[in-house]
């Protein structure tokens, strides 16, 4: 399916500091420019979520990790190549992101996406994207577009058309904490 119109509209909204509702390699997500604190605040407001509960970020390429994490342990890339499930890694030493996106301990959750739409959008945007499930905090994450509440849909500045009819059930990503010594702690399997 052709998603070029969706990408162009997403880019327009993201560059203006807006919020998009879009399909990812896991669940449908709310997204914005991860370097724009005002845009990040909009997502916290839509989700009715405390800023102390961190949001994750999507990147398209391994080399992008080096731009947004101070001195990442390069062994993480070998680990990610061995996983079959989309995996969010919590890295220490976040840099270049909106302050309200970085956890109090300086960490950030980042997932390298394989999804064609997301990769294309991120590469064109040339910045990381926030990705958080398209639901009010505490409510179940919608597995498919038809499960997203009208309350969430109405608050997005743009809702992607691509994959709305897809009924494939995707699970949220696994989440691991990558320690500086190269050890991994599974936070969500």
C-alpha atoms as a PDB file:
ATOM      1  CA  UNK A   1       0.000   0.000   0.000  1.00  0.00           C
ATOM      2  CA  UNK A   2       1.178   3.499  -0.760  1.00  0.00           C
ATOM      3  CA  UNK A   3       1.628   5.642   2.353  1.00  0.00           C
ATOM      4  CA  UNK A   4       3.440   8.638   0.846  1.00  0.00           C
ATOM      5  CA  UNK A   5       0.517  11.051   1.469  1.00  0.00           C
ATOM      6  CA  UNK A   6       0.385   9.956   5.113  1.00  0.00           C
ATOM      7  CA  UNK A   7       4.128  10.521   5.478  1.00  0.00           C
ATOM      8  CA  UNK A   8       3.902  14.012   3.964  1.00  0.00           C
ATOM      9  CA  UNK A   9       1.037  14.987   6.271  1.00  0.00           C
ATOM     10  CA  UNK A  10       2.812  13.511   9.306  1.00  0.00           C
ATOM     11  CA  UNK A  11       5.942  15.509   8.463  1.00  0.00           C
ATOM     12  CA  UNK A  12       3.897  18.720   8.224  1.00  0.00           C
ATOM     13  CA  UNK A  13       2.266  18.087  11.612  1.00  0.00           C
ATOM     14  CA  UNK A  14       5.472  16.946  13.343  1.00  0.00           C
ATOM     15  CA  UNK A  15       7.427  19.985  12.119  1.00  0.00           C
ATOM     16  CA  UNK A  16       4.661  22.232  13.469  1.00  0.00           C
ATOM     17  CA  UNK A  17       4.915  20.620  16.936  1.00  0.00           C
ATOM     18  CA  UNK A  18       1.758  18.541  16.549  1.00  0.00           C
ATOM     19  CA  UNK A  19       0.730  15.023  17.545  1.00  0.00           C
ATOM     20  CA  UNK A  20       0.142  12.141  15.156  1.00  0.00           C
ATOM     21  CA  UNK A  21      -1.750   8.888  15.638  1.00  0.00           C
ATOM     22  CA  UNK A  22       0.106   6.209  13.696  1.00  0.00           C
ATOM     23  CA  UNK A  23       0.742   2.475  13.287  1.00  0.00           C
ATOM     24  CA  UNK A  24       4.040   1.139  14.593  1.00  0.00           C
ATOM     25  CA  UNK A  25       5.716  -2.266  14.607  1.00  0.00           C
ATOM     26  CA  UNK A  26       3.799  -2.997  17.804  1.00  0.00           C
ATOM     27  CA  UNK A  27       0.536  -1.153  18.600  1.00  0.00           C
ATOM     28  CA  UNK A  28      -0.982   2.082  17.263  1.00  0.00           C
ATOM     29  CA  UNK A  29       0.771   4.989  18.903  1.00  0.00           C
ATOM     30  CA  UNK A  30       0.611   8.668  19.649  1.00  0.00           C
ATOM     31  CA  UNK A  31       3.740  10.358  18.415  1.00  0.00           C
ATOM     32  CA  UNK A  32       5.506  13.681  18.192  1.00  0.00           C
ATOM     33  CA  UNK A  33       8.944  15.224  17.752  1.00  0.00           C
ATOM     34  CA  UNK A  34      10.993  13.756  20.609  1.00  0.00           C
ATOM     35  CA  UNK A  35      13.177  16.876  20.673  1.00  0.00           C
ATOM     36  CA  UNK A  36      10.243  19.282  21.184  1.00  0.00           C
ATOM     37  CA  UNK A  37       9.231  19.624  24.859  1.00  0.00           C
ATOM     38  CA  UNK A  38       5.932  21.368  24.044  1.00  0.00           C
ATOM     39  CA  UNK A  39       4.925  18.561  21.675  1.00  0.00           C
ATOM     40  CA  UNK A  40       5.868  15.953  24.302  1.00  0.00           C
ATOM     41  CA  UNK A  41       3.714  17.811  26.846  1.00  0.00           C
ATOM     42  CA  UNK A  42       0.723  17.533  24.486  1.00  0.00           C
ATOM     43  CA  UNK A  43       1.062  13.753  24.546  1.00  0.00           C
ATOM     44  CA  UNK A  44       1.201  13.655  28.335  1.00  0.00           C
ATOM     45  CA  UNK A  45      -1.996  15.751  28.368  1.00  0.00           C
ATOM     46  CA  UNK A  46      -3.801  13.544  25.823  1.00  0.00           C
ATOM     47  CA  UNK A  47      -2.862  10.403  27.757  1.00  0.00           C
ATOM     48  CA  UNK A  48      -3.637  12.084  31.107  1.00  0.00           C
ATOM     49  CA  UNK A  49      -0.273  10.735  32.215  1.00  0.00           C
ATOM     50  CA  UNK A  50       2.189  12.058  34.751  1.00  0.00           C
ATOM     51  CA  UNK A  51       5.463  13.289  33.283  1.00  0.00           C
ATOM     52  CA  UNK A  52       7.289  11.070  35.760  1.00  0.00           C
ATOM     53  CA  UNK A  53       6.108   8.051  33.688  1.00  0.00           C
ATOM     54  CA  UNK A  54       8.535   8.041  30.786  1.00  0.00           C
ATOM     55  CA  UNK A  55       7.584   7.672  27.131  1.00  0.00           C
ATOM     56  CA  UNK A  56       9.611   5.735  24.584  1.00  0.00           C
ATOM     57  CA  UNK A  57      11.262   6.934  21.418  1.00  0.00           C
ATOM     58  CA  UNK A  58      11.515   5.309  17.998  1.00  0.00           C
ATOM     59  CA  UNK A  59      14.604   5.473  15.797  1.00  0.00           C
ATOM     60  CA  UNK A  60      15.237   3.936  12.382  1.00  0.00           C
ATOM     61  CA  UNK A  61      18.960   3.115  12.379  1.00  0.00           C
ATOM     62  CA  UNK A  62      21.551   1.802  14.838  1.00  0.00           C
ATOM     63  CA  UNK A  63      23.760   4.813  14.143  1.00  0.00           C
ATOM     64  CA  UNK A  64      20.983   7.087  15.446  1.00  0.00           C
ATOM     65  CA  UNK A  65      21.488   5.619  18.935  1.00  0.00           C
ATOM     66  CA  UNK A  66      24.920   7.268  19.024  1.00  0.00           C
ATOM     67  CA  UNK A  67      23.291  10.690  18.441  1.00  0.00           C
ATOM     68  CA  UNK A  68      20.895  10.330  21.385  1.00  0.00           C
ATOM     69  CA  UNK A  69      22.773   8.197  23.927  1.00  0.00           C
ATOM     70  CA  UNK A  70      26.086   9.229  25.483  1.00  0.00           C
ATOM     71  CA  UNK A  71      28.577   6.389  25.085  1.00  0.00           C
ATOM     72  CA  UNK A  72      26.191   3.498  24.377  1.00  0.00           C
ATOM     73  CA  UNK A  73      27.518  -0.022  24.882  1.00  0.00           C
ATOM     74  CA  UNK A  74      27.811  -1.272  21.308  1.00  0.00           C
ATOM     75  CA  UNK A  75      27.093  -4.847  22.451  1.00  0.00           C
ATOM     76  CA  UNK A  76      23.443  -3.800  22.548  1.00  0.00           C
ATOM     77  CA  UNK A  77      23.307  -4.088  18.752  1.00  0.00           C
ATOM     78  CA  UNK A  78      24.333  -7.751  18.841  1.00  0.00           C
ATOM     79  CA  UNK A  79      21.656  -8.354  21.470  1.00  0.00           C
ATOM     80  CA  UNK A  80      18.969  -6.661  19.358  1.00  0.00           C
ATOM     81  CA  UNK A  81      19.902  -8.654  16.258  1.00  0.00           C
ATOM     82  CA  UNK A  82      19.252 -11.851  18.219  1.00  0.00           C
ATOM     83  CA  UNK A  83      15.738 -10.835  19.303  1.00  0.00           C
ATOM     84  CA  UNK A  84      12.738 -11.582  17.134  1.00  0.00           C
ATOM     85  CA  UNK A  85      10.279  -9.422  19.064  1.00  0.00           C
ATOM     86  CA  UNK A  86      10.329  -5.612  18.880  1.00  0.00           C
ATOM     87  CA  UNK A  87      12.391  -4.574  21.912  1.00  0.00           C
ATOM     88  CA  UNK A  88      12.652  -1.248  23.686  1.00  0.00           C
ATOM     89  CA  UNK A  89      15.988  -0.726  25.411  1.00  0.00           C
ATOM     90  CA  UNK A  90      16.364   1.620  28.383  1.00  0.00           C
ATOM     91  CA  UNK A  91      19.698   3.389  27.909  1.00  0.00           C
ATOM     92  CA  UNK A  92      21.575   5.488  30.442  1.00  0.00           C
ATOM     93  CA  UNK A  93      22.856   8.893  29.324  1.00  0.00           C
ATOM     94  CA  UNK A  94      20.107  10.295  27.104  1.00  0.00           C
ATOM     95  CA  UNK A  95      21.147  13.365  25.106  1.00  0.00           C
ATOM     96  CA  UNK A  96      19.480  15.601  22.548  1.00  0.00           C
ATOM     97  CA  UNK A  97      15.907  14.786  23.593  1.00  0.00           C
ATOM     98  CA  UNK A  98      13.252  17.008  25.123  1.00  0.00           C
ATOM     99  CA  UNK A  99      13.932  17.342  28.871  1.00  0.00           C
ATOM    100  CA  UNK A 100      10.403  16.165  29.781  1.00  0.00           C
ATOM    101  CA  UNK A 101      11.043  12.937  27.882  1.00  0.00           C
ATOM    102  CA  UNK A 102      14.175  11.936  29.786  1.00  0.00           C
ATOM    103  CA  UNK A 103      13.671  10.045  33.056  1.00  0.00           C
ATOM    104  CA  UNK A 104      14.892  11.590  36.305  1.00  0.00           C
ATOM    105  CA  UNK A 105      17.905   9.223  36.270  1.00  0.00           C
ATOM    106  CA  UNK A 106      18.905  10.434  32.779  1.00  0.00           C
ATOM    107  CA  UNK A 107      17.695   7.319  30.973  1.00  0.00           C
ATOM    108  CA  UNK A 108      15.576   6.984  27.841  1.00  0.00           C
ATOM    109  CA  UNK A 109      13.691   4.075  26.279  1.00  0.00           C
ATOM    110  CA  UNK A 110      14.485   3.636  22.579  1.00  0.00           C
ATOM    111  CA  UNK A 111      13.222   1.095  20.064  1.00  0.00           C
ATOM    112  CA  UNK A 112      14.754   0.602  16.631  1.00  0.00           C
ATOM    113  CA  UNK A 113      11.766  -0.026  14.363  1.00  0.00           C
ATOM    114  CA  UNK A 114      11.536  -2.494  11.527  1.00  0.00           C
ATOM    115  CA  UNK A 115       8.094  -1.367  10.337  1.00  0.00           C
ATOM    116  CA  UNK A 116       8.375   0.077   6.815  1.00  0.00           C
ATOM    117  CA  UNK A 117       6.047   3.035   7.444  1.00  0.00           C
ATOM    118  CA  UNK A 118       7.770   4.060  10.694  1.00  0.00           C
ATOM    119  CA  UNK A 119      11.267   3.686   9.281  1.00  0.00           C
ATOM    120  CA  UNK A 120      10.363   5.789   6.247  1.00  0.00           C
ATOM    121  CA  UNK A 121       8.741   8.499   8.385  1.00  0.00           C
ATOM    122  CA  UNK A 122      11.646   8.687  10.852  1.00  0.00           C
ATOM    123  CA  UNK A 123      14.249   8.784   8.106  1.00  0.00           C
ATOM    124  CA  UNK A 124      12.403  11.604   6.354  1.00  0.00           C
ATOM    125  CA  UNK A 125      11.838  13.502   9.624  1.00  0.00           C
ATOM    126  CA  UNK A 126      15.494  13.072  10.648  1.00  0.00           C
ATOM    127  CA  UNK A 127      14.580  13.167  14.326  1.00  0.00           C
ATOM    128  CA  UNK A 128      13.381  10.602  16.844  1.00  0.00           C
ATOM    129  CA  UNK A 129       9.643  10.092  17.310  1.00  0.00           C
ATOM    130  CA  UNK A 130       7.838   9.646  20.598  1.00  0.00           C
ATOM    131  CA  UNK A 131       5.753   6.482  20.604  1.00  0.00           C
ATOM    132  CA  UNK A 132       3.247   5.644  23.286  1.00  0.00           C
ATOM    133  CA  UNK A 133       0.149   3.495  23.068  1.00  0.00           C
ATOM    134  CA  UNK A 134      -2.953   5.316  21.824  1.00  0.00           C
ATOM    135  CA  UNK A 135      -4.962   5.197  25.021  1.00  0.00           C
ATOM    136  CA  UNK A 136      -5.612   7.160  28.203  1.00  0.00           C
ATOM    137  CA  UNK A 137      -3.077   6.126  30.836  1.00  0.00           C
ATOM    138  CA  UNK A 138      -4.299   3.128  32.821  1.00  0.00           C
ATOM    139  CA  UNK A 139      -6.670   1.932  30.076  1.00  0.00           C
ATOM    140  CA  UNK A 140      -5.903  -1.130  27.927  1.00  0.00           C
ATOM    141  CA  UNK A 141      -3.670  -0.465  24.912  1.00  0.00           C
ATOM    142  CA  UNK A 142      -5.712  -0.850  21.706  1.00  0.00           C
ATOM    143  CA  UNK A 143      -4.518  -3.816  19.663  1.00  0.00           C
ATOM    144  CA  UNK A 144      -5.974  -2.488  16.393  1.00  0.00           C
ATOM    145  CA  UNK A 145      -7.124   0.895  15.089  1.00  0.00           C
ATOM    146  CA  UNK A 146     -10.838   0.142  15.637  1.00  0.00           C
ATOM    147  CA  UNK A 147     -10.182  -0.172  19.400  1.00  0.00           C
ATOM    148  CA  UNK A 148      -8.822   3.384  19.734  1.00  0.00           C
ATOM    149  CA  UNK A 149     -11.279   5.643  21.556  1.00  0.00           C
ATOM    150  CA  UNK A 150     -12.810   8.646  19.825  1.00  0.00           C
ATOM    151  CA  UNK A 151     -11.421  10.736  22.694  1.00  0.00           C
ATOM    152  CA  UNK A 152      -7.855   9.866  21.606  1.00  0.00           C
ATOM    153  CA  UNK A 153      -8.550  10.106  17.863  1.00  0.00           C
ATOM    154  CA  UNK A 154     -10.088  13.569  18.207  1.00  0.00           C
ATOM    155  CA  UNK A 155      -7.050  14.947  20.041  1.00  0.00           C
ATOM    156  CA  UNK A 156      -4.470  13.921  17.431  1.00  0.00           C
ATOM    157  CA  UNK A 157      -3.530  16.580  14.887  1.00  0.00           C
ATOM    158  CA  UNK A 158      -3.286  13.916  12.187  1.00  0.00           C
ATOM    159  CA  UNK A 159      -4.513  10.322  12.059  1.00  0.00           C
ATOM    160  CA  UNK A 160      -2.645   8.105   9.611  1.00  0.00           C
ATOM    161  CA  UNK A 161      -4.882   6.263   7.126  1.00  0.00           C
ATOM    162  CA  UNK A 162      -2.349   3.528   6.353  1.00  0.00           C
ATOM    163  CA  UNK A 163      -3.134   0.192   8.090  1.00  0.00           C
ATOM    164  CA  UNK A 164      -6.403   1.322   9.695  1.00  0.00           C
ATOM    165  CA  UNK A 165      -8.101  -1.801   8.332  1.00  0.00           C
ATOM    166  CA  UNK A 166      -5.292  -4.121   9.486  1.00  0.00           C
ATOM    167  CA  UNK A 167      -6.683  -6.492  12.114  1.00  0.00           C
ATOM    168  CA  UNK A 168      -3.372  -8.223  12.856  1.00  0.00           C
ATOM    169  CA  UNK A 169      -2.902  -8.220  16.618  1.00  0.00           C
ATOM    170  CA  UNK A 170       0.480  -6.783  17.626  1.00  0.00           C
ATOM    171  CA  UNK A 171       1.847  -6.936  21.147  1.00  0.00           C
ATOM    172  CA  UNK A 172       3.612  -4.084  22.950  1.00  0.00           C
ATOM    173  CA  UNK A 173       7.380  -4.299  22.764  1.00  0.00           C
ATOM    174  CA  UNK A 174       9.545  -6.167  25.200  1.00  0.00           C
ATOM    175  CA  UNK A 175      11.389  -3.717  27.465  1.00  0.00           C
ATOM    176  CA  UNK A 176      14.907  -4.313  28.757  1.00  0.00           C
ATOM    177  CA  UNK A 177      17.262  -2.245  30.870  1.00  0.00           C
ATOM    178  CA  UNK A 178      20.763  -2.202  29.400  1.00  0.00           C
ATOM    179  CA  UNK A 179      23.283  -1.835  32.205  1.00  0.00           C
ATOM    180  CA  UNK A 180      26.656  -0.188  31.683  1.00  0.00           C
ATOM    181  CA  UNK A 181      28.401  -3.521  32.315  1.00  0.00           C
ATOM    182  CA  UNK A 182      26.554  -5.111  29.396  1.00  0.00           C
ATOM    183  CA  UNK A 183      24.083  -7.077  31.517  1.00  0.00           C
ATOM    184  CA  UNK A 184      20.406  -7.000  30.613  1.00  0.00           C
ATOM    185  CA  UNK A 185      17.417  -6.874  32.940  1.00  0.00           C
ATOM    186  CA  UNK A 186      14.041  -7.834  31.420  1.00  0.00           C
ATOM    187  CA  UNK A 187      11.406  -5.314  32.540  1.00  0.00           C
ATOM    188  CA  UNK A 188       8.560  -6.444  30.252  1.00  0.00           C
ATOM    189  CA  UNK A 189       8.769  -9.745  28.407  1.00  0.00           C
END
